[in-house]
């Protein structure tokens, strides 16, 4: 199979289901940003962090492929003529969302209480995590805008929301594990 098809040379691409849309279509922006997020998670996974975090990130990356597939599917062609779904893969479940919440709760239990916003940084690995969090928030904003135009499975959007929270807690936990300096943002009073 060749990687290049030349079908996108004029600025369009094909959604799952066959519909051609411009490459700047909000649907493409949505799943493209999820793909970008997935790459950032791979970068975090490549750092010298505990294997449990790496395993969690692999699970999350797999779920992001599902979210991407949902976003890449033309809703008008999501159901085949025989009534079956075109996208024949598992969906994002309530359990997937709850797993992120449980992982956050476990990490939070080991952290000092957060009393202020924190400035991103302190260690390269932590910074990668904050970048991923920001990309996740962008993916969520784009997916939310898409959902207003063409609704899709609610759990996919919820998963992105919870994932950005998870990445924030992971950044704090990595700061703690790596003994990085977590700088509180304390606004100066006038």
C-alpha atoms as a PDB file:
ATOM      1  CA  UNK A   1       0.000   0.000   0.000  1.00  0.00           C
ATOM      2  CA  UNK A   2       1.392   3.377  -0.989  1.00  0.00           C
ATOM      3  CA  UNK A   3       1.280   6.142   1.606  1.00  0.00           C
ATOM      4  CA  UNK A   4       0.762   8.871  -0.952  1.00  0.00           C
ATOM      5  CA  UNK A   5      -2.452   8.809  -2.982  1.00  0.00           C
ATOM      6  CA  UNK A   6      -2.297  12.255  -4.625  1.00  0.00           C
ATOM      7  CA  UNK A   7      -6.048  12.611  -3.947  1.00  0.00           C
ATOM      8  CA  UNK A   8      -5.417  15.432  -1.470  1.00  0.00           C
ATOM      9  CA  UNK A   9      -3.231  17.535  -3.730  1.00  0.00           C
ATOM     10  CA  UNK A  10      -6.033  20.056  -4.258  1.00  0.00           C
ATOM     11  CA  UNK A  11      -6.693  20.592  -0.540  1.00  0.00           C
ATOM     12  CA  UNK A  12      -9.419  18.056   0.130  1.00  0.00           C
ATOM     13  CA  UNK A  13      -9.488  14.768   2.003  1.00  0.00           C
ATOM     14  CA  UNK A  14     -11.896  11.890   2.499  1.00  0.00           C
ATOM     15  CA  UNK A  15     -13.843  11.183   5.665  1.00  0.00           C
ATOM     16  CA  UNK A  16     -14.607   7.657   6.794  1.00  0.00           C
ATOM     17  CA  UNK A  17     -17.645   6.932   4.655  1.00  0.00           C
ATOM     18  CA  UNK A  18     -16.300   8.512   1.476  1.00  0.00           C
ATOM     19  CA  UNK A  19     -17.339  12.155   1.768  1.00  0.00           C
ATOM     20  CA  UNK A  20     -14.695  14.615   0.544  1.00  0.00           C
ATOM     21  CA  UNK A  21     -14.190  17.793   2.552  1.00  0.00           C
ATOM     22  CA  UNK A  22     -11.629  20.609   2.589  1.00  0.00           C
ATOM     23  CA  UNK A  23      -8.579  19.866   4.723  1.00  0.00           C
ATOM     24  CA  UNK A  24      -9.414  22.903   6.853  1.00  0.00           C
ATOM     25  CA  UNK A  25     -12.901  21.532   7.690  1.00  0.00           C
ATOM     26  CA  UNK A  26     -13.597  21.599  11.434  1.00  0.00           C
ATOM     27  CA  UNK A  27     -13.953  17.809  11.420  1.00  0.00           C
ATOM     28  CA  UNK A  28     -10.406  17.481  10.032  1.00  0.00           C
ATOM     29  CA  UNK A  29      -9.128  20.074  12.522  1.00  0.00           C
ATOM     30  CA  UNK A  30     -10.795  18.097  15.331  1.00  0.00           C
ATOM     31  CA  UNK A  31      -9.338  14.689  14.607  1.00  0.00           C
ATOM     32  CA  UNK A  32      -6.053  16.198  13.447  1.00  0.00           C
ATOM     33  CA  UNK A  33      -5.655  17.840  16.843  1.00  0.00           C
ATOM     34  CA  UNK A  34      -6.481  14.533  18.552  1.00  0.00           C
ATOM     35  CA  UNK A  35      -3.710  12.984  16.445  1.00  0.00           C
ATOM     36  CA  UNK A  36      -1.340  15.783  17.494  1.00  0.00           C
ATOM     37  CA  UNK A  37      -2.257  15.114  21.133  1.00  0.00           C
ATOM     38  CA  UNK A  38      -1.575  11.415  20.648  1.00  0.00           C
ATOM     39  CA  UNK A  39       1.915  12.242  19.367  1.00  0.00           C
ATOM     40  CA  UNK A  40       2.595  14.406  22.415  1.00  0.00           C
ATOM     41  CA  UNK A  41       1.519  11.528  24.657  1.00  0.00           C
ATOM     42  CA  UNK A  42       4.036   9.340  22.851  1.00  0.00           C
ATOM     43  CA  UNK A  43       6.708  11.912  23.678  1.00  0.00           C
ATOM     44  CA  UNK A  44       5.757  11.803  27.365  1.00  0.00           C
ATOM     45  CA  UNK A  45       5.787   8.006  27.261  1.00  0.00           C
ATOM     46  CA  UNK A  46       9.333   8.119  25.850  1.00  0.00           C
ATOM     47  CA  UNK A  47      10.565   9.940  28.964  1.00  0.00           C
ATOM     48  CA  UNK A  48      12.175   8.297  31.981  1.00  0.00           C
ATOM     49  CA  UNK A  49       8.938   7.842  33.949  1.00  0.00           C
ATOM     50  CA  UNK A  50       7.445   4.942  35.893  1.00  0.00           C
ATOM     51  CA  UNK A  51       6.165   2.051  33.797  1.00  0.00           C
ATOM     52  CA  UNK A  52       2.658   2.454  35.272  1.00  0.00           C
ATOM     53  CA  UNK A  53       2.429   5.907  33.690  1.00  0.00           C
ATOM     54  CA  UNK A  54       3.698   4.520  30.394  1.00  0.00           C
ATOM     55  CA  UNK A  55       1.089   1.751  30.474  1.00  0.00           C
ATOM     56  CA  UNK A  56      -1.668   4.271  31.219  1.00  0.00           C
ATOM     57  CA  UNK A  57      -0.502   6.486  28.361  1.00  0.00           C
ATOM     58  CA  UNK A  58      -0.605   3.541  25.932  1.00  0.00           C
ATOM     59  CA  UNK A  59      -4.210   2.839  26.978  1.00  0.00           C
ATOM     60  CA  UNK A  60      -5.071   6.503  26.523  1.00  0.00           C
ATOM     61  CA  UNK A  61      -3.390   6.609  23.106  1.00  0.00           C
ATOM     62  CA  UNK A  62      -5.504   3.644  22.030  1.00  0.00           C
ATOM     63  CA  UNK A  63      -8.661   5.425  23.228  1.00  0.00           C
ATOM     64  CA  UNK A  64      -7.610   8.531  21.299  1.00  0.00           C
ATOM     65  CA  UNK A  65      -7.530   6.467  18.108  1.00  0.00           C
ATOM     66  CA  UNK A  66     -11.169   5.605  18.826  1.00  0.00           C
ATOM     67  CA  UNK A  67     -12.012   9.280  19.423  1.00  0.00           C
ATOM     68  CA  UNK A  68     -10.221  10.155  16.180  1.00  0.00           C
ATOM     69  CA  UNK A  69     -12.163   7.523  14.263  1.00  0.00           C
ATOM     70  CA  UNK A  70     -15.449   8.831  15.661  1.00  0.00           C
ATOM     71  CA  UNK A  71     -14.522  12.371  14.632  1.00  0.00           C
ATOM     72  CA  UNK A  72     -13.369  11.201  11.171  1.00  0.00           C
ATOM     73  CA  UNK A  73     -16.687   9.526  10.382  1.00  0.00           C
ATOM     74  CA  UNK A  74     -19.228  11.343   8.244  1.00  0.00           C
ATOM     75  CA  UNK A  75     -22.380  11.293  10.417  1.00  0.00           C
ATOM     76  CA  UNK A  76     -24.603  11.017   7.341  1.00  0.00           C
ATOM     77  CA  UNK A  77     -22.798   7.816   6.370  1.00  0.00           C
ATOM     78  CA  UNK A  78     -22.215   6.413   9.859  1.00  0.00           C
ATOM     79  CA  UNK A  79     -25.015   3.868   9.472  1.00  0.00           C
ATOM     80  CA  UNK A  80     -24.893   1.411   6.585  1.00  0.00           C
ATOM     81  CA  UNK A  81     -27.971   0.494   4.546  1.00  0.00           C
ATOM     82  CA  UNK A  82     -28.290  -2.759   6.499  1.00  0.00           C
ATOM     83  CA  UNK A  83     -28.583  -0.726   9.740  1.00  0.00           C
ATOM     84  CA  UNK A  84     -25.133  -1.579  11.079  1.00  0.00           C
ATOM     85  CA  UNK A  85     -22.615   1.041  12.079  1.00  0.00           C
ATOM     86  CA  UNK A  86     -19.908   1.776   9.539  1.00  0.00           C
ATOM     87  CA  UNK A  87     -17.411   2.254  12.378  1.00  0.00           C
ATOM     88  CA  UNK A  88     -17.147  -1.304  13.686  1.00  0.00           C
ATOM     89  CA  UNK A  89     -14.915  -0.653  16.704  1.00  0.00           C
ATOM     90  CA  UNK A  90     -15.429  -0.294  20.428  1.00  0.00           C
ATOM     91  CA  UNK A  91     -16.723   3.061  21.606  1.00  0.00           C
ATOM     92  CA  UNK A  92     -15.570   5.273  24.434  1.00  0.00           C
ATOM     93  CA  UNK A  93     -17.402   3.948  27.475  1.00  0.00           C
ATOM     94  CA  UNK A  94     -18.372   5.412  30.801  1.00  0.00           C
ATOM     95  CA  UNK A  95     -15.836   2.984  32.289  1.00  0.00           C
ATOM     96  CA  UNK A  96     -13.055   4.568  30.187  1.00  0.00           C
ATOM     97  CA  UNK A  97     -13.927   7.973  31.649  1.00  0.00           C
ATOM     98  CA  UNK A  98     -14.198   6.581  35.180  1.00  0.00           C
ATOM     99  CA  UNK A  99     -10.774   4.948  34.824  1.00  0.00           C
ATOM    100  CA  UNK A 100      -9.228   8.370  34.169  1.00  0.00           C
ATOM    101  CA  UNK A 101     -11.024   9.692  37.242  1.00  0.00           C
ATOM    102  CA  UNK A 102      -9.726   6.822  39.404  1.00  0.00           C
ATOM    103  CA  UNK A 103      -6.187   7.360  38.173  1.00  0.00           C
ATOM    104  CA  UNK A 104      -6.486  11.082  38.960  1.00  0.00           C
ATOM    105  CA  UNK A 105      -7.807  10.333  42.443  1.00  0.00           C
ATOM    106  CA  UNK A 106      -4.922   7.939  43.115  1.00  0.00           C
ATOM    107  CA  UNK A 107      -2.326  10.473  41.965  1.00  0.00           C
ATOM    108  CA  UNK A 108      -4.006  13.313  43.887  1.00  0.00           C
ATOM    109  CA  UNK A 109      -3.952  11.277  47.103  1.00  0.00           C
ATOM    110  CA  UNK A 110      -0.126  11.346  46.971  1.00  0.00           C
ATOM    111  CA  UNK A 111       0.131  15.093  46.270  1.00  0.00           C
ATOM    112  CA  UNK A 112       0.062  18.088  48.557  1.00  0.00           C
ATOM    113  CA  UNK A 113      -3.173  20.069  48.230  1.00  0.00           C
ATOM    114  CA  UNK A 114      -3.202  22.603  45.442  1.00  0.00           C
ATOM    115  CA  UNK A 115      -3.682  26.098  46.837  1.00  0.00           C
ATOM    116  CA  UNK A 116      -2.738  28.154  43.761  1.00  0.00           C
ATOM    117  CA  UNK A 117      -2.400  27.834  40.032  1.00  0.00           C
ATOM    118  CA  UNK A 118       1.030  26.509  39.063  1.00  0.00           C
ATOM    119  CA  UNK A 119       3.289  27.746  36.308  1.00  0.00           C
ATOM    120  CA  UNK A 120       3.962  25.063  33.696  1.00  0.00           C
ATOM    121  CA  UNK A 121       7.550  23.824  33.802  1.00  0.00           C
ATOM    122  CA  UNK A 122      10.094  22.705  36.331  1.00  0.00           C
ATOM    123  CA  UNK A 123      11.279  19.676  34.395  1.00  0.00           C
ATOM    124  CA  UNK A 124      11.261  18.795  30.693  1.00  0.00           C
ATOM    125  CA  UNK A 125       8.941  15.817  31.230  1.00  0.00           C
ATOM    126  CA  UNK A 126       6.496  17.972  33.191  1.00  0.00           C
ATOM    127  CA  UNK A 127       6.598  20.602  30.446  1.00  0.00           C
ATOM    128  CA  UNK A 128       5.777  17.960  27.822  1.00  0.00           C
ATOM    129  CA  UNK A 129       2.797  16.984  29.947  1.00  0.00           C
ATOM    130  CA  UNK A 130       1.556  20.581  30.146  1.00  0.00           C
ATOM    131  CA  UNK A 131       1.912  20.962  26.381  1.00  0.00           C
ATOM    132  CA  UNK A 132      -0.161  17.792  25.914  1.00  0.00           C
ATOM    133  CA  UNK A 133      -2.769  19.200  28.328  1.00  0.00           C
ATOM    134  CA  UNK A 134      -3.037  22.384  26.251  1.00  0.00           C
ATOM    135  CA  UNK A 135      -3.323  20.430  22.994  1.00  0.00           C
ATOM    136  CA  UNK A 136      -6.015  18.290  24.637  1.00  0.00           C
ATOM    137  CA  UNK A 137      -7.951  21.418  25.576  1.00  0.00           C
ATOM    138  CA  UNK A 138      -7.696  22.636  21.978  1.00  0.00           C
ATOM    139  CA  UNK A 139      -8.908  19.250  20.718  1.00  0.00           C
ATOM    140  CA  UNK A 140     -11.818  19.506  23.123  1.00  0.00           C
ATOM    141  CA  UNK A 141     -12.699  23.039  21.952  1.00  0.00           C
ATOM    142  CA  UNK A 142     -12.647  21.967  18.312  1.00  0.00           C
ATOM    143  CA  UNK A 143     -14.614  18.794  19.012  1.00  0.00           C
ATOM    144  CA  UNK A 144     -17.153  20.812  20.998  1.00  0.00           C
ATOM    145  CA  UNK A 145     -17.610  23.205  18.076  1.00  0.00           C
ATOM    146  CA  UNK A 146     -17.980  20.243  15.710  1.00  0.00           C
ATOM    147  CA  UNK A 147     -20.502  18.634  18.063  1.00  0.00           C
ATOM    148  CA  UNK A 148     -22.626  21.808  17.898  1.00  0.00           C
ATOM    149  CA  UNK A 149     -22.739  21.452  14.107  1.00  0.00           C
ATOM    150  CA  UNK A 150     -22.834  17.675  13.745  1.00  0.00           C
ATOM    151  CA  UNK A 151     -23.411  15.824  17.034  1.00  0.00           C
ATOM    152  CA  UNK A 152     -21.404  12.681  17.747  1.00  0.00           C
ATOM    153  CA  UNK A 153     -21.109  10.298  20.671  1.00  0.00           C
ATOM    154  CA  UNK A 154     -21.172  12.271  23.908  1.00  0.00           C
ATOM    155  CA  UNK A 155     -18.602  10.064  25.657  1.00  0.00           C
ATOM    156  CA  UNK A 156     -15.936  11.022  23.110  1.00  0.00           C
ATOM    157  CA  UNK A 157     -16.233  14.688  24.085  1.00  0.00           C
ATOM    158  CA  UNK A 158     -16.406  13.842  27.791  1.00  0.00           C
ATOM    159  CA  UNK A 159     -13.264  11.716  27.440  1.00  0.00           C
ATOM    160  CA  UNK A 160     -11.318  14.664  26.016  1.00  0.00           C
ATOM    161  CA  UNK A 161     -12.501  16.857  28.864  1.00  0.00           C
ATOM    162  CA  UNK A 162     -11.496  14.343  31.512  1.00  0.00           C
ATOM    163  CA  UNK A 163      -8.201  13.626  29.763  1.00  0.00           C
ATOM    164  CA  UNK A 164      -7.098  17.253  29.990  1.00  0.00           C
ATOM    165  CA  UNK A 165      -7.756  17.087  33.739  1.00  0.00           C
ATOM    166  CA  UNK A 166      -5.811  13.826  33.925  1.00  0.00           C
ATOM    167  CA  UNK A 167      -2.849  15.412  32.145  1.00  0.00           C
ATOM    168  CA  UNK A 168      -2.823  18.297  34.613  1.00  0.00           C
ATOM    169  CA  UNK A 169      -2.780  15.907  37.567  1.00  0.00           C
ATOM    170  CA  UNK A 170      -0.128  13.787  35.841  1.00  0.00           C
ATOM    171  CA  UNK A 171       2.021  16.900  35.375  1.00  0.00           C
ATOM    172  CA  UNK A 172       1.740  17.645  39.086  1.00  0.00           C
ATOM    173  CA  UNK A 173       2.472  14.026  40.009  1.00  0.00           C
ATOM    174  CA  UNK A 174       5.496  13.939  37.730  1.00  0.00           C
ATOM    175  CA  UNK A 175       6.718  17.181  39.333  1.00  0.00           C
ATOM    176  CA  UNK A 176       6.393  15.473  42.689  1.00  0.00           C
ATOM    177  CA  UNK A 177       8.050  12.219  41.561  1.00  0.00           C
ATOM    178  CA  UNK A 178      10.898  14.031  39.804  1.00  0.00           C
ATOM    179  CA  UNK A 179      11.294  16.457  42.722  1.00  0.00           C
ATOM    180  CA  UNK A 180      10.859  19.336  40.307  1.00  0.00           C
ATOM    181  CA  UNK A 181      10.158  22.796  41.595  1.00  0.00           C
ATOM    182  CA  UNK A 182       6.435  23.522  41.249  1.00  0.00           C
ATOM    183  CA  UNK A 183       6.136  27.313  41.110  1.00  0.00           C
ATOM    184  CA  UNK A 184       2.859  28.697  42.383  1.00  0.00           C
ATOM    185  CA  UNK A 185       1.323  31.615  40.565  1.00  0.00           C
ATOM    186  CA  UNK A 186       0.625  34.266  43.157  1.00  0.00           C
ATOM    187  CA  UNK A 187      -0.594  37.478  41.531  1.00  0.00           C
ATOM    188  CA  UNK A 188       0.977  40.683  42.769  1.00  0.00           C
ATOM    189  CA  UNK A 189      -1.433  43.049  44.423  1.00  0.00           C
ATOM    190  CA  UNK A 190      -1.619  46.606  43.158  1.00  0.00           C
END
